Amino acid sequence: MILPPKYYIMRHIINLNY
């Protein structure tokens, strides 16, 4: 399963911010 990098990066950034 391959997910879009944008979504993955966004989620990662949000996780780090939170």
C-alpha atoms as a PDB file:
ATOM      1  CA  MET A   1       0.000   0.000   0.000  1.00  0.00           C
ATOM      2  CA  ILE A   2       1.485   3.342  -1.070  1.00  0.00           C
ATOM      3  CA  LEU A   3       0.144   6.579   0.418  1.00  0.00           C
ATOM      4  CA  PRO A   4       0.730  10.115  -0.875  1.00  0.00           C
ATOM      5  CA  PRO A   5       3.883  11.723   0.577  1.00  0.00           C
ATOM      6  CA  LYS A   6       2.090  15.009   1.167  1.00  0.00           C
ATOM      7  CA  TYR A   7      -0.391  13.410   3.545  1.00  0.00           C
ATOM      8  CA  TYR A   8       2.356  11.485   5.321  1.00  0.00           C
ATOM      9  CA  ILE A   9       4.536  14.560   5.714  1.00  0.00           C
ATOM     10  CA  MET A  10       1.588  16.657   6.879  1.00  0.00           C
ATOM     11  CA  ARG A  11       0.652  14.101   9.485  1.00  0.00           C
ATOM     12  CA  HIS A  12       4.260  13.844  10.635  1.00  0.00           C
ATOM     13  CA  ILE A  13       4.567  17.614  10.962  1.00  0.00           C
ATOM     14  CA  ILE A  14       1.284  17.828  12.894  1.00  0.00           C
ATOM     15  CA  ASN A  15       2.408  15.025  15.187  1.00  0.00           C
ATOM     16  CA  LEU A  16       5.681  16.808  15.883  1.00  0.00           C
ATOM     17  CA  ASN A  17       3.945  20.114  16.481  1.00  0.00           C
ATOM     18  CA  TYR A  18       1.442  18.522  18.801  1.00  0.00           C
END
